[in-house]
PDB file of N, CA and C in Angstrom:
ATOM      1  N   MET A   1      10.099   5.118  44.731  1.00  0.00           N
ATOM      2  CA  MET A   1       9.382   6.243  45.297  1.00  0.00           C
ATOM      3  C   MET A   1      10.392   7.182  45.952  1.00  0.00           C
ATOM      4  N   ARG A   2      10.290   8.453  45.657  1.00  0.00           N
ATOM      5  CA  ARG A   2      11.196   9.442  46.227  1.00  0.00           C
ATOM      6  C   ARG A   2      10.620   9.933  47.554  1.00  0.00           C
ATOM      7  N   ARG A   3      11.411   9.775  48.598  1.00  0.00           N
ATOM      8  CA  ARG A   3      11.017  10.240  49.925  1.00  0.00           C
ATOM      9  C   ARG A   3      12.127  11.106  50.485  1.00  0.00           C
ATOM     10  N   ALA A   4      11.816  11.782  51.543  1.00  0.00           N
ATOM     11  CA  ALA A   4      12.826  12.613  52.194  1.00  0.00           C
ATOM     12  C   ALA A   4      12.620  12.537  53.701  1.00  0.00           C
ATOM     13  N   VAL A   5      13.714  12.377  54.431  1.00  0.00           N
ATOM     14  CA  VAL A   5      13.650  12.348  55.893  1.00  0.00           C
ATOM     15  C   VAL A   5      14.745  13.223  56.471  1.00  0.00           C
ATOM     16  N   ARG A   6      14.561  13.620  57.717  1.00  0.00           N
ATOM     17  CA  ARG A   6      15.576  14.369  58.457  1.00  0.00           C
ATOM     18  C   ARG A   6      16.085  13.486  59.585  1.00  0.00           C
ATOM     19  N   ILE A   7      17.369  13.614  59.870  1.00  0.00           N
ATOM     20  CA  ILE A   7      17.988  12.853  60.951  1.00  0.00           C
ATOM     21  C   ILE A   7      18.692  13.841  61.873  1.00  0.00           C
ATOM     22  N   ASN A   8      18.387  13.780  63.178  1.00  0.00           N
ATOM     23  CA  ASN A   8      19.031  14.725  64.092  1.00  0.00           C
ATOM     24  C   ASN A   8      20.436  14.267  64.454  1.00  0.00           C
ATOM     25  N   ARG A   9      21.115  15.036  65.276  1.00  0.00           N
ATOM     26  CA  ARG A   9      22.511  14.745  65.602  1.00  0.00           C
ATOM     27  C   ARG A   9      22.696  13.462  66.396  1.00  0.00           C
ATOM     28  N   ASN A  10      21.608  12.922  66.951  1.00  0.00           N
ATOM     29  CA  ASN A  10      21.676  11.663  67.688  1.00  0.00           C
ATOM     30  C   ASN A  10      21.283  10.462  66.832  1.00  0.00           C
ATOM     31  N   GLY A  11      21.047  10.697  65.543  1.00  0.00           N
ATOM     32  CA  GLY A  11      20.679   9.617  64.639  1.00  0.00           C
ATOM     33  C   GLY A  11      19.207   9.271  64.657  1.00  0.00           C
ATOM     34  N   VAL A  12      18.383  10.128  65.250  1.00  0.00           N
ATOM     35  CA  VAL A  12      16.952   9.881  65.341  1.00  0.00           C
ATOM     36  C   VAL A  12      16.254  10.492  64.130  1.00  0.00           C
ATOM     37  N   PHE A  13      15.375   9.704  63.491  1.00  0.00           N
ATOM     38  CA  PHE A  13      14.602  10.221  62.374  1.00  0.00           C
ATOM     39  C   PHE A  13      13.580  11.221  62.898  1.00  0.00           C
ATOM     40  N   LEU A  14      13.528  12.407  62.285  1.00  0.00           N
ATOM     41  CA  LEU A  14      12.654  13.483  62.752  1.00  0.00           C
ATOM     42  C   LEU A  14      11.398  13.644  61.915  1.00  0.00           C
ATOM     43  N   GLY A  15      11.219  12.837  60.927  1.00  0.00           N
ATOM     44  CA  GLY A  15      10.042  12.965  60.089  1.00  0.00           C
ATOM     45  C   GLY A  15      10.405  13.416  58.696  1.00  0.00           C
ATOM     46  N   LYS A  16       9.392  13.744  57.967  1.00  0.00           N
ATOM     47  CA  LYS A  16       9.578  14.056  56.560  1.00  0.00           C
ATOM     48  C   LYS A  16      10.195  15.427  56.352  1.00  0.00           C
ATOM     49  N   ALA A  17      11.071  15.482  55.380  1.00  0.00           N
ATOM     50  CA  ALA A  17      11.653  16.744  54.925  1.00  0.00           C
ATOM     51  C   ALA A  17      11.008  17.079  53.590  1.00  0.00           C
ATOM     52  N   SER A  18      11.373  18.206  53.037  1.00  0.00           N
ATOM     53  CA  SER A  18      10.868  18.595  51.726  1.00  0.00           C
ATOM     54  C   SER A  18      11.375  17.623  50.670  1.00  0.00           C
ATOM     55  N   HIS A  19      10.509  17.254  49.730  1.00  0.00           N
ATOM     56  CA  HIS A  19      10.915  16.379  48.630  1.00  0.00           C
ATOM     57  C   HIS A  19      11.677  17.145  47.562  1.00  0.00           C
ATOM     58  N   ASN A  20      11.764  18.438  47.729  1.00  0.00           N
ATOM     59  CA  ASN A  20      12.444  19.288  46.758  1.00  0.00           C
ATOM     60  C   ASN A  20      13.935  18.971  46.753  1.00  0.00           C
ATOM     61  N   LEU A  21      14.482  18.747  45.571  1.00  0.00           N
ATOM     62  CA  LEU A  21      15.905  18.431  45.456  1.00  0.00           C
ATOM     63  C   LEU A  21      16.790  19.669  45.450  1.00  0.00           C
ATOM     64  N   GLU A  22      16.185  20.849  45.500  1.00  0.00           N
ATOM     65  CA  GLU A  22      16.970  22.080  45.456  1.00  0.00           C
ATOM     66  C   GLU A  22      17.973  22.107  46.608  1.00  0.00           C
ATOM     67  N   GLY A  23      19.212  22.315  46.269  1.00  0.00           N
ATOM     68  CA  GLY A  23      20.265  22.386  47.267  1.00  0.00           C
ATOM     69  C   GLY A  23      20.796  21.037  47.718  1.00  0.00           C
ATOM     70  N   ALA A  24      20.213  19.949  47.213  1.00  0.00           N
ATOM     71  CA  ALA A  24      20.683  18.618  47.601  1.00  0.00           C
ATOM     72  C   ALA A  24      21.971  18.283  46.856  1.00  0.00           C
ATOM     73  N   ILE A  25      22.885  17.650  47.572  1.00  0.00           N
ATOM     74  CA  ILE A  25      24.174  17.250  47.014  1.00  0.00           C
ATOM     75  C   ILE A  25      24.140  15.746  46.795  1.00  0.00           C
ATOM     76  N   SER A  26      24.455  15.317  45.593  1.00  0.00           N
ATOM     77  CA  SER A  26      24.499  13.890  45.316  1.00  0.00           C
ATOM     78  C   SER A  26      25.663  13.262  46.078  1.00  0.00           C
ATOM     79  N   VAL A  27      25.422  12.101  46.675  1.00  0.00           N
ATOM     80  CA  VAL A  27      26.497  11.424  47.400  1.00  0.00           C
ATOM     81  C   VAL A  27      27.644  11.068  46.461  1.00  0.00           C
ATOM     82  N   GLU A  28      27.352  10.936  45.191  1.00  0.00           N
ATOM     83  CA  GLU A  28      28.389  10.624  44.200  1.00  0.00           C
ATOM     84  C   GLU A  28      29.382  11.766  44.040  1.00  0.00           C
ATOM     85  N   ASP A  29      28.967  12.980  44.405  1.00  0.00           N
ATOM     86  CA  ASP A  29      29.820  14.157  44.227  1.00  0.00           C
ATOM     87  C   ASP A  29      30.738  14.427  45.416  1.00  0.00           C
ATOM     88  N   ILE A  30      30.582  13.696  46.500  1.00  0.00           N
ATOM     89  CA  ILE A  30      31.424  13.898  47.681  1.00  0.00           C
ATOM     90  C   ILE A  30      32.438  12.768  47.742  1.00  0.00           C
ATOM     91  N   ASN A  31      33.704  13.120  47.581  1.00  0.00           N
ATOM     92  CA  ASN A  31      34.715  12.066  47.564  1.00  0.00           C
ATOM     93  C   ASN A  31      35.995  12.413  48.312  1.00  0.00           C
ATOM     94  N   ASP A  32      35.974  13.507  49.107  1.00  0.00           N
ATOM     95  CA  ASP A  32      37.143  13.781  49.947  1.00  0.00           C
ATOM     96  C   ASP A  32      36.746  14.640  51.143  1.00  0.00           C
ATOM     97  N   PHE A  33      37.644  14.704  52.120  1.00  0.00           N
ATOM     98  CA  PHE A  33      37.344  15.429  53.356  1.00  0.00           C
ATOM     99  C   PHE A  33      37.262  16.933  53.155  1.00  0.00           C
ATOM    100  N   GLU A  34      37.915  17.473  52.153  1.00  0.00           N
ATOM    101  CA  GLU A  34      37.801  18.909  51.881  1.00  0.00           C
ATOM    102  C   GLU A  34      36.359  19.270  51.539  1.00  0.00           C
ATOM    103  N   GLN A  35      35.687  18.401  50.808  1.00  0.00           N
ATOM    104  CA  GLN A  35      34.285  18.652  50.483  1.00  0.00           C
ATOM    105  C   GLN A  35      33.415  18.584  51.738  1.00  0.00           C
ATOM    106  N   LEU A  36      33.733  17.678  52.645  1.00  0.00           N
ATOM    107  CA  LEU A  36      32.998  17.622  53.910  1.00  0.00           C
ATOM    108  C   LEU A  36      33.234  18.885  54.726  1.00  0.00           C
ATOM    109  N   ASP A  37      34.474  19.345  54.781  1.00  0.00           N
ATOM    110  CA  ASP A  37      34.796  20.559  55.532  1.00  0.00           C
ATOM    111  C   ASP A  37      34.014  21.757  55.012  1.00  0.00           C
ATOM    112  N   ALA A  38      33.779  21.802  53.710  1.00  0.00           N
ATOM    113  CA  ALA A  38      33.027  22.912  53.117  1.00  0.00           C
ATOM    114  C   ALA A  38      31.568  22.909  53.567  1.00  0.00           C
ATOM    115  N   LEU A  39      31.065  21.782  54.038  1.00  0.00           N
ATOM    116  CA  LEU A  39      29.669  21.672  54.474  1.00  0.00           C
ATOM    117  C   LEU A  39      29.482  21.962  55.961  1.00  0.00           C
ATOM    118  N   MET A  40      30.562  22.036  56.712  1.00  0.00           N
ATOM    119  CA  MET A  40      30.492  22.103  58.169  1.00  0.00           C
ATOM    120  C   MET A  40      29.735  23.309  58.717  1.00  0.00           C
ATOM    121  N   LYS A  41      29.741  24.425  58.028  1.00  0.00           N
ATOM    122  CA  LYS A  41      29.090  25.632  58.546  1.00  0.00           C
ATOM    123  C   LYS A  41      27.651  25.789  58.059  1.00  0.00           C
ATOM    124  N   GLN A  42      27.169  24.837  57.266  1.00  0.00           N
ATOM    125  CA  GLN A  42      25.795  24.894  56.777  1.00  0.00           C
ATOM    126  C   GLN A  42      24.835  24.468  57.891  1.00  0.00           C
ATOM    127  N   PRO A  43      23.678  25.111  58.015  1.00  0.00           N
ATOM    128  CA  PRO A  43      22.726  24.670  59.033  1.00  0.00           C
ATOM    129  C   PRO A  43      22.048  23.347  58.654  1.00  0.00           C
ATOM    130  N   VAL A  44      21.929  23.096  57.344  1.00  0.00           N
ATOM    131  CA  VAL A  44      21.299  21.876  56.843  1.00  0.00           C
ATOM    132  C   VAL A  44      22.126  21.344  55.683  1.00  0.00           C
ATOM    133  N   VAL A  45      22.427  20.059  55.720  1.00  0.00           N
ATOM    134  CA  VAL A  45      23.085  19.397  54.596  1.00  0.00           C
ATOM    135  C   VAL A  45      22.068  18.426  54.012  1.00  0.00           C
ATOM    136  N   ARG A  46      21.725  18.618  52.732  1.00  0.00           N
ATOM    137  CA  ARG A  46      20.766  17.748  52.046  1.00  0.00           C
ATOM    138  C   ARG A  46      21.534  16.839  51.099  1.00  0.00           C
ATOM    139  N   LEU A  47      21.405  15.545  51.300  1.00  0.00           N
ATOM    140  CA  LEU A  47      22.097  14.562  50.482  1.00  0.00           C
ATOM    141  C   LEU A  47      21.088  13.811  49.625  1.00  0.00           C
ATOM    142  N   SER A  48      21.382  13.703  48.357  1.00  0.00           N
ATOM    143  CA  SER A  48      20.522  12.997  47.418  1.00  0.00           C
ATOM    144  C   SER A  48      21.105  11.616  47.144  1.00  0.00           C
ATOM    145  N   ILE A  49      20.251  10.588  47.259  1.00  0.00           N
ATOM    146  CA  ILE A  49      20.686   9.219  46.981  1.00  0.00           C
ATOM    147  C   ILE A  49      19.750   8.591  45.958  1.00  0.00           C
ATOM    148  N   GLU A  50      20.282   7.636  45.222  1.00  0.00           N
ATOM    149  CA  GLU A  50      19.492   6.955  44.193  1.00  0.00           C
ATOM    150  C   GLU A  50      18.660   5.812  44.766  1.00  0.00           C
ATOM    151  N   GLY A  51      19.170   5.125  45.768  1.00  0.00           N
ATOM    152  CA  GLY A  51      18.441   3.985  46.298  1.00  0.00           C
ATOM    153  C   GLY A  51      18.766   3.718  47.753  1.00  0.00           C
ATOM    154  N   PHE A  52      17.860   3.019  48.432  1.00  0.00           N
ATOM    155  CA  PHE A  52      18.026   2.780  49.869  1.00  0.00           C
ATOM    156  C   PHE A  52      19.216   1.887  50.186  1.00  0.00           C
ATOM    157  N   ALA A  53      19.705   1.126  49.217  1.00  0.00           N
ATOM    158  CA  ALA A  53      20.854   0.253  49.456  1.00  0.00           C
ATOM    159  C   ALA A  53      22.181   1.002  49.396  1.00  0.00           C
ATOM    160  N   ASP A  54      22.149   2.266  49.009  1.00  0.00           N
ATOM    161  CA  ASP A  54      23.367   3.070  48.906  1.00  0.00           C
ATOM    162  C   ASP A  54      23.718   3.614  50.288  1.00  0.00           C
ATOM    163  N   GLY A  55      24.707   3.026  50.928  1.00  0.00           N
ATOM    164  CA  GLY A  55      25.078   3.415  52.284  1.00  0.00           C
ATOM    165  C   GLY A  55      25.976   4.630  52.375  1.00  0.00           C
ATOM    166  N   ARG A  56      26.346   5.208  51.228  1.00  0.00           N
ATOM    167  CA  ARG A  56      27.260   6.355  51.263  1.00  0.00           C
ATOM    168  C   ARG A  56      26.683   7.540  52.020  1.00  0.00           C
ATOM    169  N   ALA A  57      25.376   7.772  51.930  1.00  0.00           N
ATOM    170  CA  ALA A  57      24.778   8.921  52.618  1.00  0.00           C
ATOM    171  C   ALA A  57      24.948   8.796  54.128  1.00  0.00           C
ATOM    172  N   LEU A  58      24.751   7.605  54.659  1.00  0.00           N
ATOM    173  CA  LEU A  58      24.920   7.417  56.099  1.00  0.00           C
ATOM    174  C   LEU A  58      26.383   7.535  56.492  1.00  0.00           C
ATOM    175  N   SER A  59      27.276   7.069  55.636  1.00  0.00           N
ATOM    176  CA  SER A  59      28.712   7.220  55.909  1.00  0.00           C
ATOM    177  C   SER A  59      29.110   8.690  55.909  1.00  0.00           C
ATOM    178  N   ILE A  60      28.577   9.445  54.956  1.00  0.00           N
ATOM    179  CA  ILE A  60      28.872  10.879  54.885  1.00  0.00           C
ATOM    180  C   ILE A  60      28.303  11.584  56.113  1.00  0.00           C
ATOM    181  N   ALA A  61      27.060  11.257  56.478  1.00  0.00           N
ATOM    182  CA  ALA A  61      26.444  11.871  57.660  1.00  0.00           C
ATOM    183  C   ALA A  61      27.260  11.551  58.913  1.00  0.00           C
ATOM    184  N   ARG A  62      27.715  10.328  59.032  1.00  0.00           N
ATOM    185  CA  ARG A  62      28.533   9.939  60.190  1.00  0.00           C
ATOM    186  C   ARG A  62      29.837  10.720  60.221  1.00  0.00           C
ATOM    187  N   GLN A  63      30.494  10.849  59.080  1.00  0.00           N
ATOM    188  CA  GLN A  63      31.746  11.606  59.028  1.00  0.00           C
ATOM    189  C   GLN A  63      31.519  13.072  59.398  1.00  0.00           C
ATOM    190  N   LEU A  64      30.401  13.646  58.947  1.00  0.00           N
ATOM    191  CA  LEU A  64      30.084  15.026  59.327  1.00  0.00           C
ATOM    192  C   LEU A  64      29.951  15.137  60.845  1.00  0.00           C
ATOM    193  N   ARG A  65      29.225  14.210  61.454  1.00  0.00           N
ATOM    194  CA  ARG A  65      29.032  14.238  62.912  1.00  0.00           C
ATOM    195  C   ARG A  65      30.361  14.056  63.644  1.00  0.00           C
ATOM    196  N   LEU A  66      31.180  13.133  63.176  1.00  0.00           N
ATOM    197  CA  LEU A  66      32.475  12.907  63.820  1.00  0.00           C
ATOM    198  C   LEU A  66      33.367  14.136  63.737  1.00  0.00           C
ATOM    199  N   ARG A  67      33.175  14.948  62.712  1.00  0.00           N
ATOM    200  CA  ARG A  67      33.969  16.161  62.530  1.00  0.00           C
ATOM    201  C   ARG A  67      33.355  17.352  63.278  1.00  0.00           C
ATOM    202  N   GLY A  68      32.205  17.139  63.965  1.00  0.00           N
ATOM    203  CA  GLY A  68      31.613  18.188  64.780  1.00  0.00           C
ATOM    204  C   GLY A  68      30.421  18.901  64.179  1.00  0.00           C
ATOM    205  N   PHE A  69      29.887  18.416  63.073  1.00  0.00           N
ATOM    206  CA  PHE A  69      28.719  19.056  62.456  1.00  0.00           C
ATOM    207  C   PHE A  69      27.526  18.952  63.394  1.00  0.00           C
ATOM    208  N   GLU A  70      26.847  20.079  63.650  1.00  0.00           N
ATOM    209  CA  GLU A  70      25.720  20.097  64.577  1.00  0.00           C
ATOM    210  C   GLU A  70      24.396  20.423  63.914  1.00  0.00           C
ATOM    211  N   GLY A  71      24.396  20.655  62.622  1.00  0.00           N
ATOM    212  CA  GLY A  71      23.163  20.977  61.910  1.00  0.00           C
ATOM    213  C   GLY A  71      22.345  19.734  61.598  1.00  0.00           C
ATOM    214  N   SER A  72      21.324  19.916  60.764  1.00  0.00           N
ATOM    215  CA  SER A  72      20.476  18.805  60.341  1.00  0.00           C
ATOM    216  C   SER A  72      21.025  18.178  59.073  1.00  0.00           C
ATOM    217  N   VAL A  73      20.842  16.881  58.968  1.00  0.00           N
ATOM    218  CA  VAL A  73      21.175  16.156  57.747  1.00  0.00           C
ATOM    219  C   VAL A  73      19.858  15.658  57.169  1.00  0.00           C
ATOM    220  N   GLU A  74      19.609  15.959  55.909  1.00  0.00           N
ATOM    221  CA  GLU A  74      18.410  15.484  55.235  1.00  0.00           C
ATOM    222  C   GLU A  74      18.816  14.568  54.099  1.00  0.00           C
ATOM    223  N   LEU A  75      18.107  13.452  53.970  1.00  0.00           N
ATOM    224  CA  LEU A  75      18.328  12.523  52.874  1.00  0.00           C
ATOM    225  C   LEU A  75      17.128  12.579  51.951  1.00  0.00           C
ATOM    226  N   VAL A  76      17.388  12.694  50.666  1.00  0.00           N
ATOM    227  CA  VAL A  76      16.327  12.755  49.673  1.00  0.00           C
ATOM    228  C   VAL A  76      16.585  11.649  48.663  1.00  0.00           C
ATOM    229  N   GLY A  77      15.581  10.834  48.399  1.00  0.00           N
ATOM    230  CA  GLY A  77      15.733   9.776  47.413  1.00  0.00           C
ATOM    231  C   GLY A  77      14.871   8.584  47.758  1.00  0.00           C
ATOM    232  N   ASP A  78      15.221   7.442  47.207  1.00  0.00           N
ATOM    233  CA  ASP A  78      14.500   6.201  47.440  1.00  0.00           C
ATOM    234  C   ASP A  78      15.021   5.601  48.739  1.00  0.00           C
ATOM    235  N   ILE A  79      14.390   5.972  49.850  1.00  0.00           N
ATOM    236  CA  ILE A  79      14.878   5.557  51.164  1.00  0.00           C
ATOM    237  C   ILE A  79      13.785   4.838  51.946  1.00  0.00           C
ATOM    238  N   LEU A  80      14.206   4.007  52.869  1.00  0.00           N
ATOM    239  CA  LEU A  80      13.295   3.270  53.741  1.00  0.00           C
ATOM    240  C   LEU A  80      13.739   3.460  55.185  1.00  0.00           C
ATOM    241  N   PRO A  81      13.257   4.500  55.871  1.00  0.00           N
ATOM    242  CA  PRO A  81      13.642   4.659  57.277  1.00  0.00           C
ATOM    243  C   PRO A  81      13.061   3.513  58.104  1.00  0.00           C
ATOM    244  N   ASP A  82      13.862   2.999  59.035  1.00  0.00           N
ATOM    245  CA  ASP A  82      13.357   1.891  59.858  1.00  0.00           C
ATOM    246  C   ASP A  82      13.236   2.258  61.308  1.00  0.00           C
TER     247      ASP A  82
END
């Protein structure tokens, strides 16, 4: 099942985001810090994942936060927020 959630800068789930994949970046396409730097000025970063066991989206979101990203991070895909 494809779901979408938003996570604020404190790691709190904010509820459902749009299920639309438009503008979503596959976690498979991010593989270096230059790509993360290119996302830093975006107000929203939408990450697409294939399954809830894929931890790359959370790793990418964490790296964005550690680098000072203050916008929203949205995850789109087969996810199970807990």
